[in-house]
Amino acid sequence: MKTLKLRLKRFLKSEEGPTAVEYAIMLAMIVLVCLLAIQAVGTNTSVKFQEAADGLT
């Protein structure tokens, strides 16, 4: 357990720690934007298919 704590402290003190956190935050933001875009496109597509189905009946 001590080695894990020591490794974590070294990681956070080094320049790589903050850089990794920044990349993780950017990745999370990109994923969030993608999910929101997919949701919007899916909703619009669903509405269009429903309109097409209503037009056929």
PDB file of N, CA and C in Angstrom:
ATOM      1  N   MET A   1       0.825  -1.195   0.000  1.00  0.00           N
ATOM      2  CA  MET A   1       0.000   0.000   0.000  1.00  0.00           C
ATOM      3  C   MET A   1       0.866   1.254   0.000  1.00  0.00           C
ATOM      4  N   LYS A   2       2.024   1.179   0.671  1.00  0.00           N
ATOM      5  CA  LYS A   2       2.907   2.340   0.708  1.00  0.00           C
ATOM      6  C   LYS A   2       3.440   2.666  -0.675  1.00  0.00           C
ATOM      7  N   THR A   3       3.734   1.625  -1.432  1.00  0.00           N
ATOM      8  CA  THR A   3       4.276   1.877  -2.770  1.00  0.00           C
ATOM      9  C   THR A   3       3.232   2.554  -3.657  1.00  0.00           C
ATOM     10  N   LEU A   4       1.975   2.204  -3.469  1.00  0.00           N
ATOM     11  CA  LEU A   4       0.917   2.836  -4.250  1.00  0.00           C
ATOM     12  C   LEU A   4       0.817   4.315  -3.904  1.00  0.00           C
ATOM     13  N   LYS A   5       0.864   4.626  -2.624  1.00  0.00           N
ATOM     14  CA  LYS A   5       0.814   6.026  -2.194  1.00  0.00           C
ATOM     15  C   LYS A   5       2.030   6.786  -2.704  1.00  0.00           C
ATOM     16  N   LEU A   6       3.184   6.156  -2.633  1.00  0.00           N
ATOM     17  CA  LEU A   6       4.410   6.795  -3.096  1.00  0.00           C
ATOM     18  C   LEU A   6       4.352   7.052  -4.600  1.00  0.00           C
ATOM     19  N   ARG A   7       3.878   6.078  -5.339  1.00  0.00           N
ATOM     20  CA  ARG A   7       3.758   6.249  -6.789  1.00  0.00           C
ATOM     21  C   ARG A   7       2.767   7.358  -7.131  1.00  0.00           C
ATOM     22  N   LEU A   8       1.661   7.407  -6.394  1.00  0.00           N
ATOM     23  CA  LEU A   8       0.661   8.438  -6.634  1.00  0.00           C
ATOM     24  C   LEU A   8       1.233   9.824  -6.352  1.00  0.00           C
ATOM     25  N   LYS A   9       1.981   9.962  -5.263  1.00  0.00           N
ATOM     26  CA  LYS A   9       2.599  11.249  -4.935  1.00  0.00           C
ATOM     27  C   LYS A   9       3.592  11.665  -6.017  1.00  0.00           C
ATOM     28  N   ARG A  10       4.404  10.726  -6.472  1.00  0.00           N
ATOM     29  CA  ARG A  10       5.373  11.028  -7.532  1.00  0.00           C
ATOM     30  C   ARG A  10       4.667  11.438  -8.818  1.00  0.00           C
ATOM     31  N   PHE A  11       3.601  10.730  -9.127  1.00  0.00           N
ATOM     32  CA  PHE A  11       2.846  11.020 -10.341  1.00  0.00           C
ATOM     33  C   PHE A  11       2.243  12.417 -10.288  1.00  0.00           C
ATOM     34  N   LEU A  12       1.679  12.787  -9.138  1.00  0.00           N
ATOM     35  CA  LEU A  12       1.051  14.093  -9.011  1.00  0.00           C
ATOM     36  C   LEU A  12       2.066  15.224  -8.966  1.00  0.00           C
ATOM     37  N   LYS A  13       3.271  14.951  -8.470  1.00  0.00           N
ATOM     38  CA  LYS A  13       4.309  15.979  -8.420  1.00  0.00           C
ATOM     39  C   LYS A  13       4.946  16.208  -9.781  1.00  0.00           C
ATOM     40  N   SER A  14       4.984  15.187 -10.585  1.00  0.00           N
ATOM     41  CA  SER A  14       5.633  15.317 -11.890  1.00  0.00           C
ATOM     42  C   SER A  14       4.759  16.145 -12.825  1.00  0.00           C
ATOM     43  N   GLU A  15       5.326  16.526 -13.935  1.00  0.00           N
ATOM     44  CA  GLU A  15       4.589  17.294 -14.943  1.00  0.00           C
ATOM     45  C   GLU A  15       3.551  16.429 -15.648  1.00  0.00           C
ATOM     46  N   GLU A  16       3.745  15.131 -15.624  1.00  0.00           N
ATOM     47  CA  GLU A  16       2.839  14.235 -16.332  1.00  0.00           C
ATOM     48  C   GLU A  16       1.482  14.140 -15.647  1.00  0.00           C
ATOM     49  N   GLY A  17       1.444  14.314 -14.333  1.00  0.00           N
ATOM     50  CA  GLY A  17       0.187  14.220 -13.595  1.00  0.00           C
ATOM     51  C   GLY A  17      -0.833  15.249 -14.054  1.00  0.00           C
ATOM     52  N   PRO A  18      -0.493  16.539 -13.971  1.00  0.00           N
ATOM     53  CA  PRO A  18      -1.453  17.554 -14.425  1.00  0.00           C
ATOM     54  C   PRO A  18      -1.794  17.431 -15.909  1.00  0.00           C
ATOM     55  N   THR A  19      -0.832  17.043 -16.715  1.00  0.00           N
ATOM     56  CA  THR A  19      -1.097  16.879 -18.141  1.00  0.00           C
ATOM     57  C   THR A  19      -2.111  15.765 -18.366  1.00  0.00           C
ATOM     58  N   ALA A  20      -1.964  14.675 -17.648  1.00  0.00           N
ATOM     59  CA  ALA A  20      -2.911  13.564 -17.783  1.00  0.00           C
ATOM     60  C   ALA A  20      -4.305  13.997 -17.348  1.00  0.00           C
ATOM     61  N   VAL A  21      -4.380  14.781 -16.288  1.00  0.00           N
ATOM     62  CA  VAL A  21      -5.677  15.265 -15.810  1.00  0.00           C
ATOM     63  C   VAL A  21      -6.302  16.192 -16.849  1.00  0.00           C
ATOM     64  N   GLU A  22      -5.500  17.062 -17.438  1.00  0.00           N
ATOM     65  CA  GLU A  22      -6.015  17.962 -18.475  1.00  0.00           C
ATOM     66  C   GLU A  22      -6.551  17.176 -19.666  1.00  0.00           C
ATOM     67  N   TYR A  23      -5.818  16.165 -20.080  1.00  0.00           N
ATOM     68  CA  TYR A  23      -6.288  15.339 -21.197  1.00  0.00           C
ATOM     69  C   TYR A  23      -7.571  14.596 -20.829  1.00  0.00           C
ATOM     70  N   ALA A  24      -7.668  14.136 -19.600  1.00  0.00           N
ATOM     71  CA  ALA A  24      -8.876  13.434 -19.162  1.00  0.00           C
ATOM     72  C   ALA A  24     -10.076  14.375 -19.171  1.00  0.00           C
ATOM     73  N   ILE A  25      -9.873  15.614 -18.740  1.00  0.00           N
ATOM     74  CA  ILE A  25     -10.961  16.595 -18.744  1.00  0.00           C
ATOM     75  C   ILE A  25     -11.378  16.917 -20.174  1.00  0.00           C
ATOM     76  N   MET A  26     -10.402  17.110 -21.051  1.00  0.00           N
ATOM     77  CA  MET A  26     -10.730  17.384 -22.455  1.00  0.00           C
ATOM     78  C   MET A  26     -11.479  16.216 -23.081  1.00  0.00           C
ATOM     79  N   LEU A  27     -11.041  14.999 -22.789  1.00  0.00           N
ATOM     80  CA  LEU A  27     -11.711  13.821 -23.326  1.00  0.00           C
ATOM     81  C   LEU A  27     -13.150  13.740 -22.820  1.00  0.00           C
ATOM     82  N   ALA A  28     -13.352  14.017 -21.535  1.00  0.00           N
ATOM     83  CA  ALA A  28     -14.701  13.992 -20.968  1.00  0.00           C
ATOM     84  C   ALA A  28     -15.591  15.033 -21.643  1.00  0.00           C
ATOM     85  N   MET A  29     -15.042  16.209 -21.910  1.00  0.00           N
ATOM     86  CA  MET A  29     -15.824  17.254 -22.574  1.00  0.00           C
ATOM     87  C   MET A  29     -16.172  16.857 -24.005  1.00  0.00           C
ATOM     88  N   ILE A  30     -15.235  16.252 -24.706  1.00  0.00           N
ATOM     89  CA  ILE A  30     -15.489  15.808 -26.079  1.00  0.00           C
ATOM     90  C   ILE A  30     -16.565  14.730 -26.096  1.00  0.00           C
ATOM     91  N   VAL A  31     -16.480  13.795 -25.168  1.00  0.00           N
ATOM     92  CA  VAL A  31     -17.483  12.726 -25.086  1.00  0.00           C
ATOM     93  C   VAL A  31     -18.856  13.316 -24.787  1.00  0.00           C
ATOM     94  N   LEU A  32     -18.913  14.287 -23.880  1.00  0.00           N
ATOM     95  CA  LEU A  32     -20.185  14.924 -23.535  1.00  0.00           C
ATOM     96  C   LEU A  32     -20.796  15.617 -24.751  1.00  0.00           C
ATOM     97  N   VAL A  33     -19.991  16.354 -25.485  1.00  0.00           N
ATOM     98  CA  VAL A  33     -20.483  17.039 -26.686  1.00  0.00           C
ATOM     99  C   VAL A  33     -20.971  16.020 -27.716  1.00  0.00           C
ATOM    100  N   CYS A  34     -20.235  14.940 -27.885  1.00  0.00           N
ATOM    101  CA  CYS A  34     -20.651  13.896 -28.833  1.00  0.00           C
ATOM    102  C   CYS A  34     -21.974  13.267 -28.421  1.00  0.00           C
ATOM    103  N   LEU A  35     -22.124  12.981 -27.144  1.00  0.00           N
ATOM    104  CA  LEU A  35     -23.373  12.383 -26.671  1.00  0.00           C
ATOM    105  C   LEU A  35     -24.556  13.324 -26.869  1.00  0.00           C
ATOM    106  N   LEU A  36     -24.345  14.603 -26.585  1.00  0.00           N
ATOM    107  CA  LEU A  36     -25.422  15.572 -26.783  1.00  0.00           C
ATOM    108  C   LEU A  36     -25.781  15.698 -28.261  1.00  0.00           C
ATOM    109  N   ALA A  37     -24.779  15.685 -29.124  1.00  0.00           N
ATOM    110  CA  ALA A  37     -25.036  15.769 -30.561  1.00  0.00           C
ATOM    111  C   ALA A  37     -25.781  14.534 -31.051  1.00  0.00           C
ATOM    112  N   ILE A  38     -25.372  13.375 -30.593  1.00  0.00           N
ATOM    113  CA  ILE A  38     -26.041  12.131 -30.995  1.00  0.00           C
ATOM    114  C   ILE A  38     -27.484  12.128 -30.520  1.00  0.00           C
ATOM    115  N   GLN A  39     -27.709  12.615 -29.311  1.00  0.00           N
ATOM    116  CA  GLN A  39     -29.068  12.672 -28.777  1.00  0.00           C
ATOM    117  C   GLN A  39     -29.931  13.609 -29.619  1.00  0.00           C
ATOM    118  N   ALA A  40     -29.396  14.770 -29.974  1.00  0.00           N
ATOM    119  CA  ALA A  40     -30.157  15.726 -30.783  1.00  0.00           C
ATOM    120  C   ALA A  40     -30.468  15.152 -32.160  1.00  0.00           C
ATOM    121  N   VAL A  41     -29.490  14.544 -32.791  1.00  0.00           N
ATOM    122  CA  VAL A  41     -29.699  13.950 -34.113  1.00  0.00           C
ATOM    123  C   VAL A  41     -30.703  12.806 -34.016  1.00  0.00           C
ATOM    124  N   GLY A  42     -30.591  12.005 -32.973  1.00  0.00           N
ATOM    125  CA  GLY A  42     -31.515  10.888 -32.798  1.00  0.00           C
ATOM    126  C   GLY A  42     -32.946  11.350 -32.615  1.00  0.00           C
ATOM    127  N   THR A  43     -33.124  12.416 -31.837  1.00  0.00           N
ATOM    128  CA  THR A  43     -34.467  12.953 -31.618  1.00  0.00           C
ATOM    129  C   THR A  43     -35.043  13.487 -32.920  1.00  0.00           C
ATOM    130  N   ASN A  44     -34.254  14.250 -33.657  1.00  0.00           N
ATOM    131  CA  ASN A  44     -34.726  14.794 -34.937  1.00  0.00           C
ATOM    132  C   ASN A  44     -35.036  13.684 -35.932  1.00  0.00           C
ATOM    133  N   THR A  45     -34.202  12.669 -35.973  1.00  0.00           N
ATOM    134  CA  THR A  45     -34.424  11.548 -36.880  1.00  0.00           C
ATOM    135  C   THR A  45     -35.699  10.803 -36.513  1.00  0.00           C
ATOM    136  N   SER A  46     -35.915  10.618 -35.228  1.00  0.00           N
ATOM    137  CA  SER A  46     -37.122   9.937 -34.770  1.00  0.00           C
ATOM    138  C   SER A  46     -38.371  10.707 -35.187  1.00  0.00           C
ATOM    139  N   VAL A  47     -38.325  12.023 -35.048  1.00  0.00           N
ATOM    140  CA  VAL A  47     -39.466  12.851 -35.448  1.00  0.00           C
ATOM    141  C   VAL A  47     -39.710  12.725 -36.950  1.00  0.00           C
ATOM    142  N   LYS A  48     -38.658  12.766 -37.739  1.00  0.00           N
ATOM    143  CA  LYS A  48     -38.810  12.665 -39.198  1.00  0.00           C
ATOM    144  C   LYS A  48     -39.383  11.310 -39.612  1.00  0.00           C
ATOM    145  N   PHE A  49     -38.907  10.236 -38.980  1.00  0.00           N
ATOM    146  CA  PHE A  49     -39.448   8.915 -39.299  1.00  0.00           C
ATOM    147  C   PHE A  49     -40.915   8.815 -38.890  1.00  0.00           C
ATOM    148  N   GLN A  50     -41.275   9.413 -37.778  1.00  0.00           N
ATOM    149  CA  GLN A  50     -42.668   9.389 -37.335  1.00  0.00           C
ATOM    150  C   GLN A  50     -43.545  10.168 -38.315  1.00  0.00           C
ATOM    151  N   GLU A  51     -43.043  11.315 -38.791  1.00  0.00           N
ATOM    152  CA  GLU A  51     -43.793  12.091 -39.786  1.00  0.00           C
ATOM    153  C   GLU A  51     -43.967  11.289 -41.075  1.00  0.00           C
ATOM    154  N   ALA A  52     -42.925  10.583 -41.479  1.00  0.00           N
ATOM    155  CA  ALA A  52     -43.017   9.759 -42.684  1.00  0.00           C
ATOM    156  C   ALA A  52     -44.016   8.629 -42.486  1.00  0.00           C
ATOM    157  N   ALA A  53     -43.996   8.016 -41.328  1.00  0.00           N
ATOM    158  CA  ALA A  53     -44.930   6.924 -41.047  1.00  0.00           C
ATOM    159  C   ALA A  53     -46.364   7.441 -41.011  1.00  0.00           C
ATOM    160  N   ASP A  54     -46.553   8.615 -40.430  1.00  0.00           N
ATOM    161  CA  ASP A  54     -47.900   9.194 -40.396  1.00  0.00           C
ATOM    162  C   ASP A  54     -48.383   9.540 -41.806  1.00  0.00           C
ATOM    163  N   GLY A  55     -47.465   9.945 -42.659  1.00  0.00           N
ATOM    164  CA  GLY A  55     -47.831  10.274 -44.039  1.00  0.00           C
ATOM    165  C   GLY A  55     -48.246   9.051 -44.839  1.00  0.00           C
ATOM    166  N   LEU A  56     -47.735   7.895 -44.474  1.00  0.00           N
ATOM    167  CA  LEU A  56     -48.070   6.667 -45.192  1.00  0.00           C
ATOM    168  C   LEU A  56     -49.423   6.105 -44.780  1.00  0.00           C
ATOM    169  N   THR A  57     -49.889   6.484 -43.615  1.00  0.00           N
ATOM    170  CA  THR A  57     -51.170   5.918 -43.148  1.00  0.00           C
ATOM    171  C   THR A  57     -52.331   6.819 -43.440  1.00  0.00           C
TER     172      THR A  57
END
